[in-house]
């Protein structure tokens, strides 16, 4: 266990040291964040901030594989890389062409569904994943394999995008994702999951130093989609499907706020929220600062993790 903490600490130090070099390189290449015109005025001032700092999280992939080169670790790292590659394509188009829309939403979804299908079938055929969902006290819901795969396919892609929505304020996703990774570290009996989760926490803490308000760089979809994909696959591996509404509560609130906003506007031509995702609503309606929103959402994430850990320990 001491070795895991050591490699996590080393990941933190490497990210802390190399992120300024990455930021410098992104500035030289003029790979900076274009800002959508509909965002609040304080966000317009962020135009020109280097994008794709999430590339630095690949240090975590390298450290994880180096420390624990096992098949399950390879799967986790491949998951991270696949979802990161989708985000990179999106970020590169945004930054290089200064186009806030990036690649099409359809293209991103097609790639996410394709990658997730491969990952789920790999889990079934090579890692003995079952199609059971544990409800309480070891009572399990037995589903046909293909029904389970379809449900998990929708869950992984939906959750990855929900987590991506959360990356809208300086430091927000990092502050919310660290508790979620910590949950998987706490509950898992798999050394690969423990190592990967703790290494990612170390990397995110290192990046947080440069992503906290006012951010010196944005992780972009390169980082946020990778975080989303890896956290979703961890939930599948650890069979905590029943806890997802609580464990992913912040991410789901962000995603559902967008869906509700669109649905309500189509019906009434009015806006349910000042702006969606919901973190913008707290800023525009209540005047919350970015740091306050980040702290409150992070606190909610820690509370969600505590509740899920208690349920996992005493109920599931």
C-alpha atoms as a PDB file:
ATOM      1  CA  UNK A   1       0.000   0.000   0.000  1.00  0.00           C
ATOM      2  CA  UNK A   2       2.878   2.383   0.753  1.00  0.00           C
ATOM      3  CA  UNK A   3       4.082   1.861  -2.816  1.00  0.00           C
ATOM      4  CA  UNK A   4       0.731   2.990  -4.204  1.00  0.00           C
ATOM      5  CA  UNK A   5       0.854   6.207  -2.199  1.00  0.00           C
ATOM      6  CA  UNK A   6       4.433   6.696  -3.329  1.00  0.00           C
ATOM      7  CA  UNK A   7       3.596   6.423  -7.026  1.00  0.00           C
ATOM      8  CA  UNK A   8       0.616   8.751  -6.502  1.00  0.00           C
ATOM      9  CA  UNK A   9       2.885  11.297  -4.850  1.00  0.00           C
ATOM     10  CA  UNK A  10       5.401  10.974  -7.661  1.00  0.00           C
ATOM     11  CA  UNK A  11       2.604  11.523 -10.199  1.00  0.00           C
ATOM     12  CA  UNK A  12       1.641  14.697  -8.339  1.00  0.00           C
ATOM     13  CA  UNK A  13       5.225  15.977  -8.453  1.00  0.00           C
ATOM     14  CA  UNK A  14       5.678  15.156 -12.159  1.00  0.00           C
ATOM     15  CA  UNK A  15       2.412  16.872 -13.132  1.00  0.00           C
ATOM     16  CA  UNK A  16       3.281  19.874 -10.950  1.00  0.00           C
ATOM     17  CA  UNK A  17       6.704  20.157 -12.608  1.00  0.00           C
ATOM     18  CA  UNK A  18       5.768  19.519 -16.246  1.00  0.00           C
ATOM     19  CA  UNK A  19       2.448  21.390 -16.491  1.00  0.00           C
ATOM     20  CA  UNK A  20       4.139  24.820 -16.829  1.00  0.00           C
ATOM     21  CA  UNK A  21       6.181  23.418 -19.739  1.00  0.00           C
ATOM     22  CA  UNK A  22       3.005  22.126 -21.372  1.00  0.00           C
ATOM     23  CA  UNK A  23       1.290  25.486 -20.864  1.00  0.00           C
ATOM     24  CA  UNK A  24       4.274  27.239 -22.459  1.00  0.00           C
ATOM     25  CA  UNK A  25       4.140  24.888 -25.446  1.00  0.00           C
ATOM     26  CA  UNK A  26       0.398  25.390 -25.913  1.00  0.00           C
ATOM     27  CA  UNK A  27       0.902  29.164 -25.871  1.00  0.00           C
ATOM     28  CA  UNK A  28       3.706  28.953 -28.441  1.00  0.00           C
ATOM     29  CA  UNK A  29       1.490  26.835 -30.710  1.00  0.00           C
ATOM     30  CA  UNK A  30      -1.440  29.208 -30.093  1.00  0.00           C
ATOM     31  CA  UNK A  31      -3.658  26.322 -28.992  1.00  0.00           C
ATOM     32  CA  UNK A  32      -5.943  28.427 -26.839  1.00  0.00           C
ATOM     33  CA  UNK A  33      -9.575  28.300 -25.756  1.00  0.00           C
ATOM     34  CA  UNK A  34     -12.184  30.072 -27.910  1.00  0.00           C
ATOM     35  CA  UNK A  35     -15.126  31.297 -25.803  1.00  0.00           C
ATOM     36  CA  UNK A  36     -18.757  30.916 -26.820  1.00  0.00           C
ATOM     37  CA  UNK A  37     -20.419  34.318 -27.170  1.00  0.00           C
ATOM     38  CA  UNK A  38     -23.416  33.321 -25.025  1.00  0.00           C
ATOM     39  CA  UNK A  39     -21.303  32.702 -21.932  1.00  0.00           C
ATOM     40  CA  UNK A  40     -21.278  35.323 -19.136  1.00  0.00           C
ATOM     41  CA  UNK A  41     -18.988  38.372 -19.526  1.00  0.00           C
ATOM     42  CA  UNK A  42     -16.496  37.142 -16.918  1.00  0.00           C
ATOM     43  CA  UNK A  43     -15.913  34.070 -19.079  1.00  0.00           C
ATOM     44  CA  UNK A  44     -15.119  36.202 -22.128  1.00  0.00           C
ATOM     45  CA  UNK A  45     -12.004  37.373 -20.308  1.00  0.00           C
ATOM     46  CA  UNK A  46     -10.733  33.790 -20.404  1.00  0.00           C
ATOM     47  CA  UNK A  47     -10.310  33.908 -24.174  1.00  0.00           C
ATOM     48  CA  UNK A  48      -6.744  32.950 -25.066  1.00  0.00           C
ATOM     49  CA  UNK A  49      -6.203  30.596 -22.110  1.00  0.00           C
ATOM     50  CA  UNK A  50      -4.219  27.524 -23.235  1.00  0.00           C
ATOM     51  CA  UNK A  51      -6.405  24.497 -23.961  1.00  0.00           C
ATOM     52  CA  UNK A  52      -5.677  20.739 -23.818  1.00  0.00           C
ATOM     53  CA  UNK A  53      -3.774  20.803 -20.519  1.00  0.00           C
ATOM     54  CA  UNK A  54      -5.507  17.477 -19.894  1.00  0.00           C
ATOM     55  CA  UNK A  55      -2.664  15.953 -21.911  1.00  0.00           C
ATOM     56  CA  UNK A  56      -0.597  16.138 -18.722  1.00  0.00           C
ATOM     57  CA  UNK A  57      -2.843  13.451 -17.204  1.00  0.00           C
ATOM     58  CA  UNK A  58      -1.202  10.943 -19.535  1.00  0.00           C
ATOM     59  CA  UNK A  59       1.571  10.932 -16.946  1.00  0.00           C
ATOM     60  CA  UNK A  60      -0.921   9.053 -14.773  1.00  0.00           C
ATOM     61  CA  UNK A  61      -1.417   6.454 -17.501  1.00  0.00           C
ATOM     62  CA  UNK A  62       2.336   5.958 -17.824  1.00  0.00           C
ATOM     63  CA  UNK A  63       2.866   5.766 -14.052  1.00  0.00           C
ATOM     64  CA  UNK A  64      -0.017   3.315 -13.583  1.00  0.00           C
ATOM     65  CA  UNK A  65       1.239   0.962 -16.270  1.00  0.00           C
ATOM     66  CA  UNK A  66       4.806   1.213 -15.008  1.00  0.00           C
ATOM     67  CA  UNK A  67       3.840   0.437 -11.411  1.00  0.00           C
ATOM     68  CA  UNK A  68       1.242  -2.258 -12.091  1.00  0.00           C
ATOM     69  CA  UNK A  69       1.502  -3.681 -15.662  1.00  0.00           C
ATOM     70  CA  UNK A  70      -1.446  -6.079 -15.420  1.00  0.00           C
ATOM     71  CA  UNK A  71      -4.267  -6.752 -17.948  1.00  0.00           C
ATOM     72  CA  UNK A  72      -6.906  -4.868 -15.940  1.00  0.00           C
ATOM     73  CA  UNK A  73      -4.591  -1.872 -15.586  1.00  0.00           C
ATOM     74  CA  UNK A  74      -4.029  -1.951 -19.340  1.00  0.00           C
ATOM     75  CA  UNK A  75      -7.800  -1.874 -19.874  1.00  0.00           C
ATOM     76  CA  UNK A  76      -8.191   1.110 -17.538  1.00  0.00           C
ATOM     77  CA  UNK A  77      -5.396   3.009 -19.232  1.00  0.00           C
ATOM     78  CA  UNK A  78      -6.703   2.166 -22.719  1.00  0.00           C
ATOM     79  CA  UNK A  79     -10.130   3.451 -21.635  1.00  0.00           C
ATOM     80  CA  UNK A  80      -8.541   6.697 -20.496  1.00  0.00           C
ATOM     81  CA  UNK A  81      -6.594   7.035 -23.761  1.00  0.00           C
ATOM     82  CA  UNK A  82      -9.551   6.251 -26.021  1.00  0.00           C
ATOM     83  CA  UNK A  83     -11.843   8.828 -24.445  1.00  0.00           C
ATOM     84  CA  UNK A  84      -8.966  11.312 -24.237  1.00  0.00           C
ATOM     85  CA  UNK A  85      -8.348  10.906 -27.985  1.00  0.00           C
ATOM     86  CA  UNK A  86     -11.945  11.936 -28.712  1.00  0.00           C
ATOM     87  CA  UNK A  87     -11.526  14.978 -26.498  1.00  0.00           C
ATOM     88  CA  UNK A  88      -8.192  15.797 -28.132  1.00  0.00           C
ATOM     89  CA  UNK A  89      -9.732  15.854 -31.611  1.00  0.00           C
ATOM     90  CA  UNK A  90     -12.467  18.150 -30.335  1.00  0.00           C
ATOM     91  CA  UNK A  91     -10.042  20.431 -28.493  1.00  0.00           C
ATOM     92  CA  UNK A  92      -7.594  20.609 -31.385  1.00  0.00           C
ATOM     93  CA  UNK A  93     -10.281  21.798 -33.785  1.00  0.00           C
ATOM     94  CA  UNK A  94     -11.488  24.344 -31.233  1.00  0.00           C
ATOM     95  CA  UNK A  95      -7.994  25.679 -30.572  1.00  0.00           C
ATOM     96  CA  UNK A  96      -6.426  25.497 -34.027  1.00  0.00           C
ATOM     97  CA  UNK A  97      -9.447  26.936 -35.858  1.00  0.00           C
ATOM     98  CA  UNK A  98     -10.740  29.003 -32.927  1.00  0.00           C
ATOM     99  CA  UNK A  99     -14.084  27.276 -33.379  1.00  0.00           C
ATOM    100  CA  UNK A 100     -15.963  26.833 -30.075  1.00  0.00           C
ATOM    101  CA  UNK A 101     -18.122  24.069 -31.553  1.00  0.00           C
ATOM    102  CA  UNK A 102     -15.230  21.659 -32.173  1.00  0.00           C
ATOM    103  CA  UNK A 103     -16.025  18.402 -33.972  1.00  0.00           C
ATOM    104  CA  UNK A 104     -19.667  17.461 -34.386  1.00  0.00           C
ATOM    105  CA  UNK A 105     -21.584  16.044 -31.460  1.00  0.00           C
ATOM    106  CA  UNK A 106     -22.613  13.111 -33.643  1.00  0.00           C
ATOM    107  CA  UNK A 107     -18.989  12.215 -34.400  1.00  0.00           C
ATOM    108  CA  UNK A 108     -18.099  12.310 -30.703  1.00  0.00           C
ATOM    109  CA  UNK A 109     -21.048  10.088 -29.787  1.00  0.00           C
ATOM    110  CA  UNK A 110     -20.322   7.557 -32.547  1.00  0.00           C
ATOM    111  CA  UNK A 111     -16.733   7.211 -31.342  1.00  0.00           C
ATOM    112  CA  UNK A 112     -17.788   6.957 -27.694  1.00  0.00           C
ATOM    113  CA  UNK A 113     -20.358   4.258 -28.442  1.00  0.00           C
ATOM    114  CA  UNK A 114     -17.882   2.317 -30.610  1.00  0.00           C
ATOM    115  CA  UNK A 115     -15.116   2.429 -28.000  1.00  0.00           C
ATOM    116  CA  UNK A 116     -17.491   1.546 -25.169  1.00  0.00           C
ATOM    117  CA  UNK A 117     -18.887  -1.499 -27.001  1.00  0.00           C
ATOM    118  CA  UNK A 118     -15.344  -2.825 -27.424  1.00  0.00           C
ATOM    119  CA  UNK A 119     -14.507  -2.148 -23.769  1.00  0.00           C
ATOM    120  CA  UNK A 120     -17.665  -3.835 -22.449  1.00  0.00           C
ATOM    121  CA  UNK A 121     -17.217  -6.944 -24.586  1.00  0.00           C
ATOM    122  CA  UNK A 122     -13.594  -7.102 -23.455  1.00  0.00           C
ATOM    123  CA  UNK A 123     -14.714  -6.961 -19.825  1.00  0.00           C
ATOM    124  CA  UNK A 124     -17.150  -9.819 -20.399  1.00  0.00           C
ATOM    125  CA  UNK A 125     -14.835 -12.077 -22.362  1.00  0.00           C
ATOM    126  CA  UNK A 126     -11.511 -11.403 -20.646  1.00  0.00           C
ATOM    127  CA  UNK A 127     -12.335 -10.184 -17.122  1.00  0.00           C
ATOM    128  CA  UNK A 128     -15.373 -12.278 -16.140  1.00  0.00           C
ATOM    129  CA  UNK A 129     -17.775  -9.337 -15.870  1.00  0.00           C
ATOM    130  CA  UNK A 130     -21.269 -10.580 -15.000  1.00  0.00           C
ATOM    131  CA  UNK A 131     -24.629  -9.170 -15.996  1.00  0.00           C
ATOM    132  CA  UNK A 132     -25.905  -9.086 -12.404  1.00  0.00           C
ATOM    133  CA  UNK A 133     -26.800  -5.869 -10.605  1.00  0.00           C
ATOM    134  CA  UNK A 134     -26.494  -5.983  -6.807  1.00  0.00           C
ATOM    135  CA  UNK A 135     -29.462  -4.265  -5.131  1.00  0.00           C
ATOM    136  CA  UNK A 136     -29.122  -4.867  -1.368  1.00  0.00           C
ATOM    137  CA  UNK A 137     -27.716  -7.492   1.002  1.00  0.00           C
ATOM    138  CA  UNK A 138     -26.295  -9.437  -1.935  1.00  0.00           C
ATOM    139  CA  UNK A 139     -29.736  -9.659  -3.581  1.00  0.00           C
ATOM    140  CA  UNK A 140     -29.000  -9.505  -7.292  1.00  0.00           C
ATOM    141  CA  UNK A 141     -30.993  -8.653 -10.369  1.00  0.00           C
ATOM    142  CA  UNK A 142     -30.053 -11.098 -13.128  1.00  0.00           C
ATOM    143  CA  UNK A 143     -30.197  -9.573 -16.595  1.00  0.00           C
ATOM    144  CA  UNK A 144     -29.544 -11.143 -19.990  1.00  0.00           C
ATOM    145  CA  UNK A 145     -26.019 -10.288 -21.103  1.00  0.00           C
ATOM    146  CA  UNK A 146     -27.028  -8.207 -24.092  1.00  0.00           C
ATOM    147  CA  UNK A 147     -29.645  -6.296 -22.103  1.00  0.00           C
ATOM    148  CA  UNK A 148     -27.001  -5.494 -19.509  1.00  0.00           C
ATOM    149  CA  UNK A 149     -24.528  -4.427 -22.213  1.00  0.00           C
ATOM    150  CA  UNK A 150     -27.069  -2.053 -23.759  1.00  0.00           C
ATOM    151  CA  UNK A 151     -27.852  -0.529 -20.354  1.00  0.00           C
ATOM    152  CA  UNK A 152     -24.170  -0.153 -19.471  1.00  0.00           C
ATOM    153  CA  UNK A 153     -23.415   1.221 -22.938  1.00  0.00           C
ATOM    154  CA  UNK A 154     -25.934   3.997 -22.409  1.00  0.00           C
ATOM    155  CA  UNK A 155     -24.670   4.525 -18.868  1.00  0.00           C
ATOM    156  CA  UNK A 156     -20.988   4.826 -19.800  1.00  0.00           C
ATOM    157  CA  UNK A 157     -21.550   7.199 -22.719  1.00  0.00           C
ATOM    158  CA  UNK A 158     -24.153   9.228 -20.834  1.00  0.00           C
ATOM    159  CA  UNK A 159     -22.011   9.491 -17.702  1.00  0.00           C
ATOM    160  CA  UNK A 160     -18.877  10.382 -19.655  1.00  0.00           C
ATOM    161  CA  UNK A 161     -20.731  13.288 -21.227  1.00  0.00           C
ATOM    162  CA  UNK A 162     -22.301  14.294 -17.910  1.00  0.00           C
ATOM    163  CA  UNK A 163     -18.828  14.461 -16.387  1.00  0.00           C
ATOM    164  CA  UNK A 164     -17.666  16.426 -19.422  1.00  0.00           C
ATOM    165  CA  UNK A 165     -20.455  18.984 -18.801  1.00  0.00           C
ATOM    166  CA  UNK A 166     -19.058  19.511 -15.300  1.00  0.00           C
ATOM    167  CA  UNK A 167     -15.830  20.939 -16.708  1.00  0.00           C
ATOM    168  CA  UNK A 168     -17.223  24.450 -17.108  1.00  0.00           C
ATOM    169  CA  UNK A 169     -15.554  26.466 -14.342  1.00  0.00           C
ATOM    170  CA  UNK A 170     -11.948  26.743 -13.224  1.00  0.00           C
ATOM    171  CA  UNK A 171     -11.096  23.707 -11.105  1.00  0.00           C
ATOM    172  CA  UNK A 172     -14.693  22.449 -10.923  1.00  0.00           C
ATOM    173  CA  UNK A 173     -14.340  19.009 -12.477  1.00  0.00           C
ATOM    174  CA  UNK A 174     -11.080  18.289 -10.671  1.00  0.00           C
ATOM    175  CA  UNK A 175     -12.632  19.195  -7.313  1.00  0.00           C
ATOM    176  CA  UNK A 176     -15.628  16.948  -7.988  1.00  0.00           C
ATOM    177  CA  UNK A 177     -13.758  14.033  -9.611  1.00  0.00           C
ATOM    178  CA  UNK A 178     -11.129  13.549  -6.887  1.00  0.00           C
ATOM    179  CA  UNK A 179     -13.729  12.285  -4.344  1.00  0.00           C
ATOM    180  CA  UNK A 180     -15.180   9.911  -6.958  1.00  0.00           C
ATOM    181  CA  UNK A 181     -11.786   8.368  -7.701  1.00  0.00           C
ATOM    182  CA  UNK A 182     -11.225   8.125  -3.937  1.00  0.00           C
ATOM    183  CA  UNK A 183     -14.448   6.145  -3.571  1.00  0.00           C
ATOM    184  CA  UNK A 184     -13.191   3.513  -5.993  1.00  0.00           C
ATOM    185  CA  UNK A 185      -9.869   3.401  -4.156  1.00  0.00           C
ATOM    186  CA  UNK A 186     -11.724   2.798  -0.876  1.00  0.00           C
ATOM    187  CA  UNK A 187     -14.066   0.026  -1.987  1.00  0.00           C
ATOM    188  CA  UNK A 188     -11.964  -1.938  -4.456  1.00  0.00           C
ATOM    189  CA  UNK A 189     -10.101  -5.133  -3.645  1.00  0.00           C
ATOM    190  CA  UNK A 190      -8.347  -4.970  -7.011  1.00  0.00           C
ATOM    191  CA  UNK A 191      -4.812  -3.516  -6.799  1.00  0.00           C
ATOM    192  CA  UNK A 192      -5.091  -2.216 -10.349  1.00  0.00           C
ATOM    193  CA  UNK A 193      -8.190  -0.154  -9.505  1.00  0.00           C
ATOM    194  CA  UNK A 194      -6.627   1.099  -6.285  1.00  0.00           C
ATOM    195  CA  UNK A 195      -3.416   2.122  -8.061  1.00  0.00           C
ATOM    196  CA  UNK A 196      -5.138   3.753 -11.022  1.00  0.00           C
ATOM    197  CA  UNK A 197      -7.548   5.699  -8.806  1.00  0.00           C
ATOM    198  CA  UNK A 198      -4.862   6.982  -6.463  1.00  0.00           C
ATOM    199  CA  UNK A 199      -2.492   7.897  -9.307  1.00  0.00           C
ATOM    200  CA  UNK A 200      -5.255   9.864 -10.995  1.00  0.00           C
ATOM    201  CA  UNK A 201      -5.916  11.705  -7.730  1.00  0.00           C
ATOM    202  CA  UNK A 202      -2.237  12.642  -7.581  1.00  0.00           C
ATOM    203  CA  UNK A 203      -2.282  13.877 -11.178  1.00  0.00           C
ATOM    204  CA  UNK A 204      -5.486  15.871 -10.675  1.00  0.00           C
ATOM    205  CA  UNK A 205      -4.101  17.521  -7.558  1.00  0.00           C
ATOM    206  CA  UNK A 206      -1.027  18.565  -9.534  1.00  0.00           C
ATOM    207  CA  UNK A 207      -3.127  19.963 -12.385  1.00  0.00           C
ATOM    208  CA  UNK A 208      -5.447  21.683  -9.892  1.00  0.00           C
ATOM    209  CA  UNK A 209      -2.609  24.057  -8.969  1.00  0.00           C
ATOM    210  CA  UNK A 210      -2.807  25.507 -12.484  1.00  0.00           C
ATOM    211  CA  UNK A 211      -6.530  25.033 -13.118  1.00  0.00           C
ATOM    212  CA  UNK A 212      -7.914  26.723 -10.011  1.00  0.00           C
ATOM    213  CA  UNK A 213      -9.385  30.203 -10.558  1.00  0.00           C
ATOM    214  CA  UNK A 214      -7.992  32.102 -12.359  1.00  0.00           C
ATOM    215  CA  UNK A 215      -6.925  29.129 -14.458  1.00  0.00           C
ATOM    216  CA  UNK A 216      -3.587  29.275 -16.236  1.00  0.00           C
ATOM    217  CA  UNK A 217      -4.800  26.476 -18.517  1.00  0.00           C
ATOM    218  CA  UNK A 218      -7.926  24.424 -19.229  1.00  0.00           C
ATOM    219  CA  UNK A 219      -7.835  20.637 -19.308  1.00  0.00           C
ATOM    220  CA  UNK A 220     -10.391  20.645 -22.133  1.00  0.00           C
ATOM    221  CA  UNK A 221     -12.270  17.593 -23.355  1.00  0.00           C
ATOM    222  CA  UNK A 222      -8.857  15.920 -23.627  1.00  0.00           C
ATOM    223  CA  UNK A 223      -8.970  15.601 -19.858  1.00  0.00           C
ATOM    224  CA  UNK A 224     -12.660  15.748 -19.001  1.00  0.00           C
ATOM    225  CA  UNK A 225     -13.832  13.032 -21.407  1.00  0.00           C
ATOM    226  CA  UNK A 226     -10.959  10.807 -20.278  1.00  0.00           C
ATOM    227  CA  UNK A 227     -11.980  11.315 -16.651  1.00  0.00           C
ATOM    228  CA  UNK A 228     -15.595  10.633 -17.579  1.00  0.00           C
ATOM    229  CA  UNK A 229     -14.840   7.454 -19.476  1.00  0.00           C
ATOM    230  CA  UNK A 230     -12.518   6.049 -16.822  1.00  0.00           C
ATOM    231  CA  UNK A 231     -14.852   6.793 -13.900  1.00  0.00           C
ATOM    232  CA  UNK A 232     -17.775   5.213 -15.751  1.00  0.00           C
ATOM    233  CA  UNK A 233     -15.813   2.053 -16.562  1.00  0.00           C
ATOM    234  CA  UNK A 234     -14.644   1.876 -12.932  1.00  0.00           C
ATOM    235  CA  UNK A 235     -18.300   1.870 -11.862  1.00  0.00           C
ATOM    236  CA  UNK A 236     -18.965  -1.052 -14.206  1.00  0.00           C
ATOM    237  CA  UNK A 237     -15.910  -2.991 -13.015  1.00  0.00           C
ATOM    238  CA  UNK A 238     -16.755  -2.501  -9.336  1.00  0.00           C
ATOM    239  CA  UNK A 239     -20.450  -3.374  -9.872  1.00  0.00           C
ATOM    240  CA  UNK A 240     -21.811  -0.293  -8.080  1.00  0.00           C
ATOM    241  CA  UNK A 241     -24.512   0.440 -10.654  1.00  0.00           C
ATOM    242  CA  UNK A 242     -27.187   0.904  -7.989  1.00  0.00           C
ATOM    243  CA  UNK A 243     -25.145   3.684  -6.324  1.00  0.00           C
ATOM    244  CA  UNK A 244     -24.645   5.759  -9.475  1.00  0.00           C
ATOM    245  CA  UNK A 245     -27.529   8.238  -8.849  1.00  0.00           C
ATOM    246  CA  UNK A 246     -25.813   9.235  -5.595  1.00  0.00           C
ATOM    247  CA  UNK A 247     -22.162   8.753  -6.514  1.00  0.00           C
ATOM    248  CA  UNK A 248     -22.516  10.704  -9.779  1.00  0.00           C
ATOM    249  CA  UNK A 249     -25.062  13.156  -8.370  1.00  0.00           C
ATOM    250  CA  UNK A 250     -23.164  16.312  -9.332  1.00  0.00           C
ATOM    251  CA  UNK A 251     -22.465  15.083 -12.862  1.00  0.00           C
ATOM    252  CA  UNK A 252     -26.064  13.983 -13.369  1.00  0.00           C
ATOM    253  CA  UNK A 253     -27.369  17.322 -12.073  1.00  0.00           C
ATOM    254  CA  UNK A 254     -25.197  19.079 -14.646  1.00  0.00           C
ATOM    255  CA  UNK A 255     -26.440  16.876 -17.474  1.00  0.00           C
ATOM    256  CA  UNK A 256     -30.109  16.888 -16.514  1.00  0.00           C
ATOM    257  CA  UNK A 257     -30.071  20.674 -16.136  1.00  0.00           C
ATOM    258  CA  UNK A 258     -29.131  20.905 -19.822  1.00  0.00           C
ATOM    259  CA  UNK A 259     -31.816  18.408 -20.824  1.00  0.00           C
ATOM    260  CA  UNK A 260     -34.467  20.163 -18.720  1.00  0.00           C
ATOM    261  CA  UNK A 261     -33.456  23.551 -20.079  1.00  0.00           C
ATOM    262  CA  UNK A 262     -33.900  22.380 -23.671  1.00  0.00           C
ATOM    263  CA  UNK A 263     -37.181  20.573 -22.933  1.00  0.00           C
ATOM    264  CA  UNK A 264     -38.661  23.519 -21.007  1.00  0.00           C
ATOM    265  CA  UNK A 265     -37.624  26.062 -23.620  1.00  0.00           C
ATOM    266  CA  UNK A 266     -39.168  24.045 -26.449  1.00  0.00           C
ATOM    267  CA  UNK A 267     -42.462  23.880 -24.558  1.00  0.00           C
ATOM    268  CA  UNK A 268     -42.660  27.413 -23.163  1.00  0.00           C
ATOM    269  CA  UNK A 269     -40.014  29.509 -24.975  1.00  0.00           C
ATOM    270  CA  UNK A 270     -38.815  30.382 -21.472  1.00  0.00           C
ATOM    271  CA  UNK A 271     -35.665  29.329 -19.643  1.00  0.00           C
ATOM    272  CA  UNK A 272     -35.946  27.176 -16.532  1.00  0.00           C
ATOM    273  CA  UNK A 273     -32.415  28.165 -15.485  1.00  0.00           C
ATOM    274  CA  UNK A 274     -30.521  31.364 -16.146  1.00  0.00           C
ATOM    275  CA  UNK A 275     -28.074  29.207 -18.060  1.00  0.00           C
ATOM    276  CA  UNK A 276     -27.248  25.513 -18.270  1.00  0.00           C
ATOM    277  CA  UNK A 277     -25.320  23.491 -17.172  1.00  0.00           C
ATOM    278  CA  UNK A 278     -26.509  24.406 -13.718  1.00  0.00           C
ATOM    279  CA  UNK A 279     -23.215  25.776 -12.391  1.00  0.00           C
ATOM    280  CA  UNK A 280     -23.784  28.861 -14.574  1.00  0.00           C
ATOM    281  CA  UNK A 281     -27.228  29.305 -12.978  1.00  0.00           C
ATOM    282  CA  UNK A 282     -25.720  29.781  -9.518  1.00  0.00           C
ATOM    283  CA  UNK A 283     -23.328  32.352 -10.916  1.00  0.00           C
ATOM    284  CA  UNK A 284     -25.897  34.380 -12.871  1.00  0.00           C
ATOM    285  CA  UNK A 285     -28.888  34.137 -10.507  1.00  0.00           C
ATOM    286  CA  UNK A 286     -27.236  34.198  -7.096  1.00  0.00           C
ATOM    287  CA  UNK A 287     -23.953  35.898  -7.888  1.00  0.00           C
ATOM    288  CA  UNK A 288     -21.829  33.029  -6.597  1.00  0.00           C
ATOM    289  CA  UNK A 289     -18.149  33.313  -7.433  1.00  0.00           C
ATOM    290  CA  UNK A 290     -16.416  30.521  -9.331  1.00  0.00           C
ATOM    291  CA  UNK A 291     -14.502  29.504  -6.231  1.00  0.00           C
ATOM    292  CA  UNK A 292     -17.706  29.278  -4.175  1.00  0.00           C
ATOM    293  CA  UNK A 293     -19.387  27.064  -6.773  1.00  0.00           C
ATOM    294  CA  UNK A 294     -16.298  24.855  -6.976  1.00  0.00           C
ATOM    295  CA  UNK A 295     -16.167  24.499  -3.182  1.00  0.00           C
ATOM    296  CA  UNK A 296     -19.901  23.755  -2.808  1.00  0.00           C
ATOM    297  CA  UNK A 297     -19.996  21.239  -5.666  1.00  0.00           C
ATOM    298  CA  UNK A 298     -16.844  19.588  -4.328  1.00  0.00           C
ATOM    299  CA  UNK A 299     -18.416  19.342  -0.875  1.00  0.00           C
ATOM    300  CA  UNK A 300     -21.522  17.729  -2.367  1.00  0.00           C
ATOM    301  CA  UNK A 301     -19.285  15.223  -4.154  1.00  0.00           C
ATOM    302  CA  UNK A 302     -17.534  14.299  -0.881  1.00  0.00           C
ATOM    303  CA  UNK A 303     -20.908  13.898   0.878  1.00  0.00           C
ATOM    304  CA  UNK A 304     -22.112  11.682  -2.000  1.00  0.00           C
ATOM    305  CA  UNK A 305     -19.002   9.532  -1.649  1.00  0.00           C
ATOM    306  CA  UNK A 306     -19.525   9.187   2.116  1.00  0.00           C
ATOM    307  CA  UNK A 307     -23.152   8.127   1.638  1.00  0.00           C
ATOM    308  CA  UNK A 308     -22.167   5.626  -1.061  1.00  0.00           C
ATOM    309  CA  UNK A 309     -19.382   4.185   1.066  1.00  0.00           C
ATOM    310  CA  UNK A 310     -21.787   3.662   3.984  1.00  0.00           C
ATOM    311  CA  UNK A 311     -24.338   2.029   1.682  1.00  0.00           C
ATOM    312  CA  UNK A 312     -21.664  -0.165   0.103  1.00  0.00           C
ATOM    313  CA  UNK A 313     -20.332  -1.226   3.517  1.00  0.00           C
ATOM    314  CA  UNK A 314     -23.597  -1.838   5.361  1.00  0.00           C
ATOM    315  CA  UNK A 315     -26.334  -2.341   2.763  1.00  0.00           C
ATOM    316  CA  UNK A 316     -24.943  -3.826  -0.448  1.00  0.00           C
END
